[in-house]
Amino acid sequence: LQDELEKVTAQLESVREQRPTLISTRQPEAQSELEATRTELLNPDVSDEAIAPGRVADRTVLLAREVKLIAELEMLKQEKLSTTAREELLEARQASQKKLHHLQMVTLRFISVTGIA
């Protein structure tokens, strides 16, 4: 139970402190990368009309990067929106683990005092 309590406490700390900082840092970076990718897609060398295999491959890579960044930005947005709910859930799990740990300690103390096994 102590290991589980430590695990939940570490997750709660991450949700409260680390993830918001990482999200706040990554969102503008990803947005900037998306804008740069979209600018590259406007380059005539990788336009829809480009037929050279290398140019088609370059365009495909840029389109894939665009989709990845859009998905990442949405994920970061959703994670930011759900922070409070995840924090509350982890707090409830932490409280539950603390109660279980306390109950276990009381039970062990009772057994040692009464000799009941």
PDB file of N, CA and C in Angstrom:
ATOM      1  N   LEU A   1       0.821  -1.201   0.000  1.00  0.00           N
ATOM      2  CA  LEU A   1       0.000   0.000   0.000  1.00  0.00           C
ATOM      3  C   LEU A   1       0.863   1.263   0.000  1.00  0.00           C
ATOM      4  N   GLN A   2       1.972   1.228   0.697  1.00  0.00           N
ATOM      5  CA  GLN A   2       2.854   2.391   0.760  1.00  0.00           C
ATOM      6  C   GLN A   2       3.393   2.731  -0.634  1.00  0.00           C
ATOM      7  N   ASP A   3       3.741   1.709  -1.405  1.00  0.00           N
ATOM      8  CA  ASP A   3       4.225   1.943  -2.772  1.00  0.00           C
ATOM      9  C   ASP A   3       3.149   2.601  -3.629  1.00  0.00           C
ATOM     10  N   GLU A   4       1.922   2.120  -3.500  1.00  0.00           N
ATOM     11  CA  GLU A   4       0.813   2.684  -4.270  1.00  0.00           C
ATOM     12  C   GLU A   4       0.575   4.139  -3.867  1.00  0.00           C
ATOM     13  N   LEU A   5       0.649   4.423  -2.580  1.00  0.00           N
ATOM     14  CA  LEU A   5       0.477   5.790  -2.096  1.00  0.00           C
ATOM     15  C   LEU A   5       1.561   6.703  -2.655  1.00  0.00           C
ATOM     16  N   GLU A   6       2.794   6.233  -2.660  1.00  0.00           N
ATOM     17  CA  GLU A   6       3.898   7.021  -3.214  1.00  0.00           C
ATOM     18  C   GLU A   6       3.715   7.260  -4.717  1.00  0.00           C
ATOM     19  N   LYS A   7       3.224   6.250  -5.408  1.00  0.00           N
ATOM     20  CA  LYS A   7       2.988   6.363  -6.848  1.00  0.00           C
ATOM     21  C   LYS A   7       1.911   7.411  -7.136  1.00  0.00           C
ATOM     22  N   VAL A   8       0.815   7.359  -6.389  1.00  0.00           N
ATOM     23  CA  VAL A   8      -0.277   8.311  -6.583  1.00  0.00           C
ATOM     24  C   VAL A   8       0.190   9.719  -6.233  1.00  0.00           C
ATOM     25  N   THR A   9       0.962   9.844  -5.179  1.00  0.00           N
ATOM     26  CA  THR A   9       1.484  11.158  -4.769  1.00  0.00           C
ATOM     27  C   THR A   9       2.394  11.733  -5.860  1.00  0.00           C
ATOM     28  N   ALA A  10       3.224  10.909  -6.450  1.00  0.00           N
ATOM     29  CA  ALA A  10       4.100  11.360  -7.540  1.00  0.00           C
ATOM     30  C   ALA A  10       3.283  11.779  -8.761  1.00  0.00           C
ATOM     31  N   GLN A  11       2.238  11.027  -9.090  1.00  0.00           N
ATOM     32  CA  GLN A  11       1.379  11.390 -10.223  1.00  0.00           C
ATOM     33  C   GLN A  11       0.685  12.716  -9.956  1.00  0.00           C
ATOM     34  N   LEU A  12       0.226  12.900  -8.733  1.00  0.00           N
ATOM     35  CA  LEU A  12      -0.447  14.143  -8.370  1.00  0.00           C
ATOM     36  C   LEU A  12       0.509  15.330  -8.486  1.00  0.00           C
ATOM     37  N   GLU A  13       1.728  15.146  -8.039  1.00  0.00           N
ATOM     38  CA  GLU A  13       2.726  16.203  -8.159  1.00  0.00           C
ATOM     39  C   GLU A  13       2.981  16.543  -9.627  1.00  0.00           C
ATOM     40  N   SER A  14       3.051  15.520 -10.454  1.00  0.00           N
ATOM     41  CA  SER A  14       3.268  15.738 -11.884  1.00  0.00           C
ATOM     42  C   SER A  14       2.115  16.526 -12.500  1.00  0.00           C
ATOM     43  N   VAL A  15       0.888  16.147 -12.157  1.00  0.00           N
ATOM     44  CA  VAL A  15      -0.294  16.836 -12.710  1.00  0.00           C
ATOM     45  C   VAL A  15      -0.340  18.281 -12.231  1.00  0.00           C
ATOM     46  N   ARG A  16       0.027  18.506 -10.986  1.00  0.00           N
ATOM     47  CA  ARG A  16      -0.050  19.856 -10.418  1.00  0.00           C
ATOM     48  C   ARG A  16       1.080  20.766 -10.867  1.00  0.00           C
ATOM     49  N   GLU A  17       2.284  20.217 -10.998  1.00  0.00           N
ATOM     50  CA  GLU A  17       3.443  21.078 -11.186  1.00  0.00           C
ATOM     51  C   GLU A  17       4.148  20.909 -12.528  1.00  0.00           C
ATOM     52  N   GLN A  18       4.438  19.679 -12.905  1.00  0.00           N
ATOM     53  CA  GLN A  18       5.274  19.465 -14.083  1.00  0.00           C
ATOM     54  C   GLN A  18       4.514  19.620 -15.397  1.00  0.00           C
ATOM     55  N   ARG A  19       3.377  18.953 -15.507  1.00  0.00           N
ATOM     56  CA  ARG A  19       2.653  18.965 -16.789  1.00  0.00           C
ATOM     57  C   ARG A  19       2.204  20.361 -17.206  1.00  0.00           C
ATOM     58  N   PRO A  20       1.657  21.190 -16.291  1.00  0.00           N
ATOM     59  CA  PRO A  20       1.259  22.530 -16.740  1.00  0.00           C
ATOM     60  C   PRO A  20       2.426  23.331 -17.316  1.00  0.00           C
ATOM     61  N   THR A  21       3.604  23.172 -16.722  1.00  0.00           N
ATOM     62  CA  THR A  21       4.783  23.869 -17.232  1.00  0.00           C
ATOM     63  C   THR A  21       5.167  23.336 -18.604  1.00  0.00           C
ATOM     64  N   LEU A  22       5.165  22.016 -18.738  1.00  0.00           N
ATOM     65  CA  LEU A  22       5.502  21.418 -20.037  1.00  0.00           C
ATOM     66  C   LEU A  22       4.501  21.832 -21.115  1.00  0.00           C
ATOM     67  N   ILE A  23       3.227  21.836 -20.767  1.00  0.00           N
ATOM     68  CA  ILE A  23       2.188  22.224 -21.732  1.00  0.00           C
ATOM     69  C   ILE A  23       2.382  23.681 -22.137  1.00  0.00           C
ATOM     70  N   SER A  24       2.588  24.554 -21.156  1.00  0.00           N
ATOM     71  CA  SER A  24       2.761  25.985 -21.444  1.00  0.00           C
ATOM     72  C   SER A  24       3.983  26.254 -22.315  1.00  0.00           C
ATOM     73  N   THR A  25       4.984  25.412 -22.188  1.00  0.00           N
ATOM     74  CA  THR A  25       6.182  25.553 -23.007  1.00  0.00           C
ATOM     75  C   THR A  25       5.957  24.979 -24.403  1.00  0.00           C
ATOM     76  N   ARG A  26       5.339  23.811 -24.464  1.00  0.00           N
ATOM     77  CA  ARG A  26       5.213  23.103 -25.737  1.00  0.00           C
ATOM     78  C   ARG A  26       4.177  23.719 -26.664  1.00  0.00           C
ATOM     79  N   GLN A  27       3.073  24.251 -26.133  1.00  0.00           N
ATOM     80  CA  GLN A  27       2.020  24.790 -27.004  1.00  0.00           C
ATOM     81  C   GLN A  27       2.543  25.855 -27.968  1.00  0.00           C
ATOM     82  N   PRO A  28       3.241  26.892 -27.492  1.00  0.00           N
ATOM     83  CA  PRO A  28       3.738  27.887 -28.456  1.00  0.00           C
ATOM     84  C   PRO A  28       4.781  27.324 -29.424  1.00  0.00           C
ATOM     85  N   GLU A  29       5.585  26.371 -28.941  1.00  0.00           N
ATOM     86  CA  GLU A  29       6.566  25.741 -29.831  1.00  0.00           C
ATOM     87  C   GLU A  29       5.863  25.006 -30.964  1.00  0.00           C
ATOM     88  N   ALA A  30       4.867  24.199 -30.603  1.00  0.00           N
ATOM     89  CA  ALA A  30       4.131  23.426 -31.612  1.00  0.00           C
ATOM     90  C   ALA A  30       3.385  24.355 -32.568  1.00  0.00           C
ATOM     91  N   GLN A  31       2.821  25.430 -32.041  1.00  0.00           N
ATOM     92  CA  GLN A  31       2.110  26.388 -32.898  1.00  0.00           C
ATOM     93  C   GLN A  31       3.075  27.030 -33.890  1.00  0.00           C
ATOM     94  N   SER A  32       4.256  27.364 -33.415  1.00  0.00           N
ATOM     95  CA  SER A  32       5.275  27.952 -34.286  1.00  0.00           C
ATOM     96  C   SER A  32       5.712  26.954 -35.360  1.00  0.00           C
ATOM     97  N   GLU A  33       5.907  25.695 -34.971  1.00  0.00           N
ATOM     98  CA  GLU A  33       6.278  24.654 -35.934  1.00  0.00           C
ATOM     99  C   GLU A  33       5.174  24.454 -36.969  1.00  0.00           C
ATOM    100  N   LEU A  34       3.927  24.527 -36.533  1.00  0.00           N
ATOM    101  CA  LEU A  34       2.795  24.377 -37.455  1.00  0.00           C
ATOM    102  C   LEU A  34       2.776  25.518 -38.471  1.00  0.00           C
ATOM    103  N   GLU A  35       2.974  26.732 -37.987  1.00  0.00           N
ATOM    104  CA  GLU A  35       3.001  27.883 -38.893  1.00  0.00           C
ATOM    105  C   GLU A  35       4.142  27.765 -39.907  1.00  0.00           C
ATOM    106  N   ALA A  36       5.302  27.326 -39.438  1.00  0.00           N
ATOM    107  CA  ALA A  36       6.452  27.149 -40.334  1.00  0.00           C
ATOM    108  C   ALA A  36       6.166  26.066 -41.373  1.00  0.00           C
ATOM    109  N   THR A  37       5.543  24.991 -40.952  1.00  0.00           N
ATOM    110  CA  THR A  37       5.195  23.893 -41.867  1.00  0.00           C
ATOM    111  C   THR A  37       4.207  24.379 -42.916  1.00  0.00           C
ATOM    112  N   ARG A  38       3.207  25.127 -42.480  1.00  0.00           N
ATOM    113  CA  ARG A  38       2.212  25.651 -43.427  1.00  0.00           C
ATOM    114  C   ARG A  38       2.852  26.633 -44.412  1.00  0.00           C
ATOM    115  N   THR A  39       3.815  27.387 -43.948  1.00  0.00           N
ATOM    116  CA  THR A  39       4.540  28.287 -44.846  1.00  0.00           C
ATOM    117  C   THR A  39       5.311  27.482 -45.882  1.00  0.00           C
ATOM    118  N   GLU A  40       5.956  26.412 -45.431  1.00  0.00           N
ATOM    119  CA  GLU A  40       6.688  25.542 -46.358  1.00  0.00           C
ATOM    120  C   GLU A  40       5.756  24.921 -47.389  1.00  0.00           C
ATOM    121  N   LEU A  41       4.541  24.589 -46.955  1.00  0.00           N
ATOM    122  CA  LEU A  41       3.571  23.990 -47.891  1.00  0.00           C
ATOM    123  C   LEU A  41       3.138  24.971 -48.974  1.00  0.00           C
ATOM    124  N   LEU A  42       3.301  26.260 -48.722  1.00  0.00           N
ATOM    125  CA  LEU A  42       2.958  27.268 -49.726  1.00  0.00           C
ATOM    126  C   LEU A  42       4.035  27.420 -50.789  1.00  0.00           C
ATOM    127  N   ASN A  43       5.185  26.836 -50.568  1.00  0.00           N
ATOM    128  CA  ASN A  43       6.292  26.903 -51.513  1.00  0.00           C
ATOM    129  C   ASN A  43       5.884  26.194 -52.812  1.00  0.00           C
ATOM    130  N   PRO A  44       6.043  26.873 -53.940  1.00  0.00           N
ATOM    131  CA  PRO A  44       5.664  26.262 -55.225  1.00  0.00           C
ATOM    132  C   PRO A  44       6.386  24.946 -55.532  1.00  0.00           C
ATOM    133  N   ASP A  45       7.573  24.769 -54.955  1.00  0.00           N
ATOM    134  CA  ASP A  45       8.343  23.543 -55.212  1.00  0.00           C
ATOM    135  C   ASP A  45       7.639  22.297 -54.674  1.00  0.00           C
ATOM    136  N   VAL A  46       6.767  22.466 -53.693  1.00  0.00           N
ATOM    137  CA  VAL A  46       6.066  21.317 -53.123  1.00  0.00           C
ATOM    138  C   VAL A  46       4.550  21.454 -53.285  1.00  0.00           C
ATOM    139  N   SER A  47       4.150  22.216 -54.287  1.00  0.00           N
ATOM    140  CA  SER A  47       2.721  22.419 -54.518  1.00  0.00           C
ATOM    141  C   SER A  47       2.064  21.123 -54.999  1.00  0.00           C
ATOM    142  N   ASP A  48       0.734  21.156 -55.049  1.00  0.00           N
ATOM    143  CA  ASP A  48      -0.023  20.000 -55.537  1.00  0.00           C
ATOM    144  C   ASP A  48       0.368  19.632 -56.968  1.00  0.00           C
ATOM    145  N   GLU A  49       0.851  20.617 -57.723  1.00  0.00           N
ATOM    146  CA  GLU A  49       1.206  20.360 -59.119  1.00  0.00           C
ATOM    147  C   GLU A  49       2.587  19.748 -59.292  1.00  0.00           C
ATOM    148  N   ALA A  50       3.393  19.771 -58.263  1.00  0.00           N
ATOM    149  CA  ALA A  50       4.745  19.204 -58.352  1.00  0.00           C
ATOM    150  C   ALA A  50       4.625  17.705 -58.612  1.00  0.00           C
ATOM    151  N   ILE A  51       5.344  17.230 -59.646  1.00  0.00           N
ATOM    152  CA  ILE A  51       5.230  15.811 -60.004  1.00  0.00           C
ATOM    153  C   ILE A  51       6.524  15.029 -59.790  1.00  0.00           C
ATOM    154  N   ALA A  52       7.611  15.747 -59.535  1.00  0.00           N
ATOM    155  CA  ALA A  52       8.876  15.048 -59.292  1.00  0.00           C
ATOM    156  C   ALA A  52       8.738  14.222 -58.015  1.00  0.00           C
ATOM    157  N   PRO A  53       9.178  12.976 -58.043  1.00  0.00           N
ATOM    158  CA  PRO A  53       9.018  12.104 -56.865  1.00  0.00           C
ATOM    159  C   PRO A  53       9.571  12.706 -55.570  1.00  0.00           C
ATOM    160  N   GLY A  54      10.703  13.360 -55.665  1.00  0.00           N
ATOM    161  CA  GLY A  54      11.298  13.984 -54.479  1.00  0.00           C
ATOM    162  C   GLY A  54      10.406  15.077 -53.917  1.00  0.00           C
ATOM    163  N   ARG A  55       9.813  15.870 -54.812  1.00  0.00           N
ATOM    164  CA  ARG A  55       8.917  16.965 -54.376  1.00  0.00           C
ATOM    165  C   ARG A  55       7.621  16.407 -53.791  1.00  0.00           C
ATOM    166  N   VAL A  56       7.123  15.350 -54.390  1.00  0.00           N
ATOM    167  CA  VAL A  56       5.906  14.708 -53.868  1.00  0.00           C
ATOM    168  C   VAL A  56       6.193  14.152 -52.468  1.00  0.00           C
ATOM    169  N   ALA A  57       7.360  13.560 -52.301  1.00  0.00           N
ATOM    170  CA  ALA A  57       7.749  13.021 -50.995  1.00  0.00           C
ATOM    171  C   ALA A  57       7.886  14.149 -49.972  1.00  0.00           C
ATOM    172  N   ASP A  58       8.507  15.259 -50.405  1.00  0.00           N
ATOM    173  CA  ASP A  58       8.650  16.406 -49.499  1.00  0.00           C
ATOM    174  C   ASP A  58       7.288  16.922 -49.053  1.00  0.00           C
ATOM    175  N   ARG A  59       6.352  17.017 -49.999  1.00  0.00           N
ATOM    176  CA  ARG A  59       5.008  17.495 -49.669  1.00  0.00           C
ATOM    177  C   ARG A  59       4.314  16.517 -48.711  1.00  0.00           C
ATOM    178  N   THR A  60       4.477  15.246 -48.951  1.00  0.00           N
ATOM    179  CA  THR A  60       3.858  14.233 -48.087  1.00  0.00           C
ATOM    180  C   THR A  60       4.399  14.344 -46.659  1.00  0.00           C
ATOM    181  N   VAL A  61       5.701  14.545 -46.535  1.00  0.00           N
ATOM    182  CA  VAL A  61       6.313  14.711 -45.212  1.00  0.00           C
ATOM    183  C   VAL A  61       5.757  15.958 -44.525  1.00  0.00           C
ATOM    184  N   LEU A  62       5.646  17.050 -45.271  1.00  0.00           N
ATOM    185  CA  LEU A  62       5.119  18.294 -44.692  1.00  0.00           C
ATOM    186  C   LEU A  62       3.657  18.132 -44.265  1.00  0.00           C
ATOM    187  N   LEU A  63       2.871  17.461 -45.088  1.00  0.00           N
ATOM    188  CA  LEU A  63       1.464  17.237 -44.724  1.00  0.00           C
ATOM    189  C   LEU A  63       1.346  16.360 -43.484  1.00  0.00           C
ATOM    190  N   ALA A  64       2.196  15.352 -43.408  1.00  0.00           N
ATOM    191  CA  ALA A  64       2.185  14.481 -42.219  1.00  0.00           C
ATOM    192  C   ALA A  64       2.591  15.271 -40.974  1.00  0.00           C
ATOM    193  N   ARG A  65       3.591  16.127 -41.102  1.00  0.00           N
ATOM    194  CA  ARG A  65       4.017  16.954 -39.979  1.00  0.00           C
ATOM    195  C   ARG A  65       2.889  17.901 -39.555  1.00  0.00           C
ATOM    196  N   GLU A  66       2.192  18.458 -40.535  1.00  0.00           N
ATOM    197  CA  GLU A  66       1.068  19.361 -40.230  1.00  0.00           C
ATOM    198  C   GLU A  66      -0.010  18.628 -39.424  1.00  0.00           C
ATOM    199  N   VAL A  67      -0.371  17.443 -39.866  1.00  0.00           N
ATOM    200  CA  VAL A  67      -1.392  16.654 -39.166  1.00  0.00           C
ATOM    201  C   VAL A  67      -0.918  16.301 -37.758  1.00  0.00           C
ATOM    202  N   LYS A  68       0.332  15.909 -37.620  1.00  0.00           N
ATOM    203  CA  LYS A  68       0.889  15.558 -36.308  1.00  0.00           C
ATOM    204  C   LYS A  68       0.835  16.745 -35.360  1.00  0.00           C
ATOM    205  N   LEU A  69       1.211  17.917 -35.843  1.00  0.00           N
ATOM    206  CA  LEU A  69       1.219  19.106 -34.984  1.00  0.00           C
ATOM    207  C   LEU A  69      -0.193  19.542 -34.604  1.00  0.00           C
ATOM    208  N   ILE A  70      -1.125  19.426 -35.532  1.00  0.00           N
ATOM    209  CA  ILE A  70      -2.521  19.748 -35.218  1.00  0.00           C
ATOM    210  C   ILE A  70      -3.028  18.810 -34.113  1.00  0.00           C
ATOM    211  N   ALA A  71      -2.723  17.533 -34.248  1.00  0.00           N
ATOM    212  CA  ALA A  71      -3.147  16.556 -33.242  1.00  0.00           C
ATOM    213  C   ALA A  71      -2.473  16.827 -31.899  1.00  0.00           C
ATOM    214  N   GLU A  72      -1.205  17.154 -31.925  1.00  0.00           N
ATOM    215  CA  GLU A  72      -0.486  17.446 -30.678  1.00  0.00           C
ATOM    216  C   GLU A  72      -1.071  18.666 -29.984  1.00  0.00           C
ATOM    217  N   LEU A  73      -1.365  19.712 -30.751  1.00  0.00           N
ATOM    218  CA  LEU A  73      -1.950  20.913 -30.161  1.00  0.00           C
ATOM    219  C   LEU A  73      -3.317  20.619 -29.545  1.00  0.00           C
ATOM    220  N   GLU A  74      -4.108  19.801 -30.200  1.00  0.00           N
ATOM    221  CA  GLU A  74      -5.416  19.426 -29.653  1.00  0.00           C
ATOM    222  C   GLU A  74      -5.245  18.605 -28.378  1.00  0.00           C
ATOM    223  N   MET A  75      -4.292  17.684 -28.386  1.00  0.00           N
ATOM    224  CA  MET A  75      -4.030  16.875 -27.199  1.00  0.00           C
ATOM    225  C   MET A  75      -3.604  17.754 -26.024  1.00  0.00           C
ATOM    226  N   LEU A  76      -2.708  18.707 -26.277  1.00  0.00           N
ATOM    227  CA  LEU A  76      -2.254  19.609 -25.222  1.00  0.00           C
ATOM    228  C   LEU A  76      -3.406  20.449 -24.691  1.00  0.00           C
ATOM    229  N   LYS A  77      -4.252  20.913 -25.594  1.00  0.00           N
ATOM    230  CA  LYS A  77      -5.424  21.693 -25.193  1.00  0.00           C
ATOM    231  C   LYS A  77      -6.342  20.869 -24.294  1.00  0.00           C
ATOM    232  N   GLN A  78      -6.615  19.634 -24.702  1.00  0.00           N
ATOM    233  CA  GLN A  78      -7.494  18.763 -23.918  1.00  0.00           C
ATOM    234  C   GLN A  78      -6.866  18.405 -22.569  1.00  0.00           C
ATOM    235  N   GLU A  79      -5.568  18.177 -22.574  1.00  0.00           N
ATOM    236  CA  GLU A  79      -4.898  17.862 -21.311  1.00  0.00           C
ATOM    237  C   GLU A  79      -4.980  19.045 -20.351  1.00  0.00           C
ATOM    238  N   LYS A  80      -4.789  20.247 -20.888  1.00  0.00           N
ATOM    239  CA  LYS A  80      -4.882  21.453 -20.064  1.00  0.00           C
ATOM    240  C   LYS A  80      -6.291  21.612 -19.497  1.00  0.00           C
ATOM    241  N   LEU A  81      -7.293  21.353 -20.327  1.00  0.00           N
ATOM    242  CA  LEU A  81      -8.685  21.469 -19.882  1.00  0.00           C
ATOM    243  C   LEU A  81      -9.053  20.432 -18.824  1.00  0.00           C
ATOM    244  N   SER A  82      -8.433  19.271 -18.890  1.00  0.00           N
ATOM    245  CA  SER A  82      -8.797  18.185 -17.972  1.00  0.00           C
ATOM    246  C   SER A  82      -7.927  18.131 -16.717  1.00  0.00           C
ATOM    247  N   THR A  83      -7.036  19.078 -16.549  1.00  0.00           N
ATOM    248  CA  THR A  83      -6.108  19.049 -15.419  1.00  0.00           C
ATOM    249  C   THR A  83      -6.844  19.012 -14.080  1.00  0.00           C
ATOM    250  N   THR A  84      -7.845  19.841 -13.921  1.00  0.00           N
ATOM    251  CA  THR A  84      -8.572  19.893 -12.650  1.00  0.00           C
ATOM    252  C   THR A  84      -9.228  18.558 -12.341  1.00  0.00           C
ATOM    253  N   ALA A  85      -9.866  17.955 -13.323  1.00  0.00           N
ATOM    254  CA  ALA A  85     -10.541  16.666 -13.109  1.00  0.00           C
ATOM    255  C   ALA A  85      -9.525  15.582 -12.763  1.00  0.00           C
ATOM    256  N   ARG A  86      -8.392  15.553 -13.459  1.00  0.00           N
ATOM    257  CA  ARG A  86      -7.379  14.551 -13.165  1.00  0.00           C
ATOM    258  C   ARG A  86      -6.778  14.771 -11.782  1.00  0.00           C
ATOM    259  N   GLU A  87      -6.613  16.033 -11.414  1.00  0.00           N
ATOM    260  CA  GLU A  87      -6.088  16.351 -10.092  1.00  0.00           C
ATOM    261  C   GLU A  87      -7.052  15.877  -9.000  1.00  0.00           C
ATOM    262  N   GLU A  88      -8.337  16.132  -9.199  1.00  0.00           N
ATOM    263  CA  GLU A  88      -9.339  15.693  -8.220  1.00  0.00           C
ATOM    264  C   GLU A  88      -9.380  14.167  -8.104  1.00  0.00           C
ATOM    265  N   LEU A  89      -9.280  13.489  -9.212  1.00  0.00           N
ATOM    266  CA  LEU A  89      -9.269  12.030  -9.201  1.00  0.00           C
ATOM    267  C   LEU A  89      -8.058  11.497  -8.428  1.00  0.00           C
ATOM    268  N   LEU A  90      -6.903  12.059  -8.697  1.00  0.00           N
ATOM    269  CA  LEU A  90      -5.696  11.621  -8.000  1.00  0.00           C
ATOM    270  C   LEU A  90      -5.751  11.958  -6.509  1.00  0.00           C
ATOM    271  N   GLU A  91      -6.338  13.093  -6.158  1.00  0.00           N
ATOM    272  CA  GLU A  91      -6.499  13.442  -4.741  1.00  0.00           C
ATOM    273  C   GLU A  91      -7.394  12.418  -4.047  1.00  0.00           C
ATOM    274  N   ALA A  92      -8.457  12.008  -4.718  1.00  0.00           N
ATOM    275  CA  ALA A  92      -9.354  10.999  -4.143  1.00  0.00           C
ATOM    276  C   ALA A  92      -8.625   9.662  -3.982  1.00  0.00           C
ATOM    277  N   ARG A  93      -7.847   9.270  -4.986  1.00  0.00           N
ATOM    278  CA  ARG A  93      -7.067   8.032  -4.888  1.00  0.00           C
ATOM    279  C   ARG A  93      -6.051   8.117  -3.759  1.00  0.00           C
ATOM    280  N   GLN A  94      -5.423   9.283  -3.612  1.00  0.00           N
ATOM    281  CA  GLN A  94      -4.441   9.471  -2.556  1.00  0.00           C
ATOM    282  C   GLN A  94      -5.108   9.350  -1.179  1.00  0.00           C
ATOM    283  N   ALA A  95      -6.249   9.988  -1.010  1.00  0.00           N
ATOM    284  CA  ALA A  95      -6.974   9.911   0.267  1.00  0.00           C
ATOM    285  C   ALA A  95      -7.374   8.470   0.569  1.00  0.00           C
ATOM    286  N   SER A  96      -7.827   7.769  -0.445  1.00  0.00           N
ATOM    287  CA  SER A  96      -8.219   6.374  -0.275  1.00  0.00           C
ATOM    288  C   SER A  96      -7.022   5.520   0.136  1.00  0.00           C
ATOM    289  N   GLN A  97      -5.883   5.733  -0.497  1.00  0.00           N
ATOM    290  CA  GLN A  97      -4.670   4.973  -0.168  1.00  0.00           C
ATOM    291  C   GLN A  97      -4.213   5.278   1.256  1.00  0.00           C
ATOM    292  N   LYS A  98      -4.337   6.529   1.659  1.00  0.00           N
ATOM    293  CA  LYS A  98      -3.953   6.894   3.030  1.00  0.00           C
ATOM    294  C   LYS A  98      -4.856   6.191   4.040  1.00  0.00           C
ATOM    295  N   LYS A  99      -6.149   6.144   3.755  1.00  0.00           N
ATOM    296  CA  LYS A  99      -7.088   5.468   4.652  1.00  0.00           C
ATOM    297  C   LYS A  99      -6.794   3.971   4.717  1.00  0.00           C
ATOM    298  N   LEU A 100      -6.526   3.361   3.574  1.00  0.00           N
ATOM    299  CA  LEU A 100      -6.191   1.938   3.563  1.00  0.00           C
ATOM    300  C   LEU A 100      -4.907   1.663   4.338  1.00  0.00           C
ATOM    301  N   HIS A 101      -3.923   2.518   4.157  1.00  0.00           N
ATOM    302  CA  HIS A 101      -2.660   2.362   4.868  1.00  0.00           C
ATOM    303  C   HIS A 101      -2.886   2.475   6.376  1.00  0.00           C
ATOM    304  N   HIS A 102      -3.668   3.455   6.787  1.00  0.00           N
ATOM    305  CA  HIS A 102      -3.981   3.631   8.209  1.00  0.00           C
ATOM    306  C   HIS A 102      -4.712   2.403   8.753  1.00  0.00           C
ATOM    307  N   LEU A 103      -5.681   1.916   8.000  1.00  0.00           N
ATOM    308  CA  LEU A 103      -6.432   0.730   8.422  1.00  0.00           C
ATOM    309  C   LEU A 103      -5.509  -0.480   8.566  1.00  0.00           C
ATOM    310  N   GLN A 104      -4.596  -0.620   7.636  1.00  0.00           N
ATOM    311  CA  GLN A 104      -3.639  -1.717   7.704  1.00  0.00           C
ATOM    312  C   GLN A 104      -2.773  -1.598   8.958  1.00  0.00           C
ATOM    313  N   MET A 105      -2.333  -0.407   9.284  1.00  0.00           N
ATOM    314  CA  MET A 105      -1.494  -0.202  10.466  1.00  0.00           C
ATOM    315  C   MET A 105      -2.282  -0.489  11.742  1.00  0.00           C
ATOM    316  N   VAL A 106      -3.532  -0.048  11.795  1.00  0.00           N
ATOM    317  CA  VAL A 106      -4.373  -0.314  12.962  1.00  0.00           C
ATOM    318  C   VAL A 106      -4.600  -1.814  13.114  1.00  0.00           C
ATOM    319  N   THR A 107      -4.864  -2.487  12.014  1.00  0.00           N
ATOM    320  CA  THR A 107      -5.085  -3.932  12.041  1.00  0.00           C
ATOM    321  C   THR A 107      -3.844  -4.663  12.538  1.00  0.00           C
ATOM    322  N   LEU A 108      -2.689  -4.285  12.033  1.00  0.00           N
ATOM    323  CA  LEU A 108      -1.441  -4.910  12.473  1.00  0.00           C
ATOM    324  C   LEU A 108      -1.181  -4.646  13.960  1.00  0.00           C
ATOM    325  N   ARG A 109      -1.479  -3.453  14.387  1.00  0.00           N
ATOM    326  CA  ARG A 109      -1.302  -3.123  15.808  1.00  0.00           C
ATOM    327  C   ARG A 109      -2.259  -3.957  16.658  1.00  0.00           C
ATOM    328  N   PHE A 110      -3.495  -4.080  16.216  1.00  0.00           N
ATOM    329  CA  PHE A 110      -4.495  -4.883  16.929  1.00  0.00           C
ATOM    330  C   PHE A 110      -4.034  -6.330  17.048  1.00  0.00           C
ATOM    331  N   ILE A 111      -3.545  -6.873  15.956  1.00  0.00           N
ATOM    332  CA  ILE A 111      -3.073  -8.259  15.940  1.00  0.00           C
ATOM    333  C   ILE A 111      -1.903  -8.430  16.886  1.00  0.00           C
ATOM    334  N   SER A 112      -0.985  -7.458  16.881  1.00  0.00           N
ATOM    335  CA  SER A 112       0.183  -7.592  17.766  1.00  0.00           C
ATOM    336  C   SER A 112      -0.199  -7.452  19.234  1.00  0.00           C
ATOM    337  N   VAL A 113      -1.199  -6.650  19.548  1.00  0.00           N
ATOM    338  CA  VAL A 113      -1.609  -6.457  20.938  1.00  0.00           C
ATOM    339  C   VAL A 113      -2.425  -7.646  21.441  1.00  0.00           C
ATOM    340  N   THR A 114      -3.336  -8.139  20.599  1.00  0.00           N
ATOM    341  CA  THR A 114      -4.230  -9.210  21.035  1.00  0.00           C
ATOM    342  C   THR A 114      -3.662 -10.603  20.787  1.00  0.00           C
ATOM    343  N   GLY A 115      -2.690 -10.694  19.904  1.00  0.00           N
ATOM    344  CA  GLY A 115      -2.126 -11.993  19.584  1.00  0.00           C
ATOM    345  C   GLY A 115      -3.000 -12.791  18.631  1.00  0.00           C
ATOM    346  N   ILE A 116      -4.056 -12.199  18.107  1.00  0.00           N
ATOM    347  CA  ILE A 116      -4.949 -12.877  17.152  1.00  0.00           C
ATOM    348  C   ILE A 116      -4.285 -12.853  15.788  1.00  0.00           C
ATOM    349  N   ALA A 117      -4.244 -13.986  15.154  1.00  0.00           N
ATOM    350  CA  ALA A 117      -3.620 -14.044  13.835  1.00  0.00           C
ATOM    351  C   ALA A 117      -4.604 -14.447  12.782  1.00  0.00           C
TER     352      ALA A 117
END
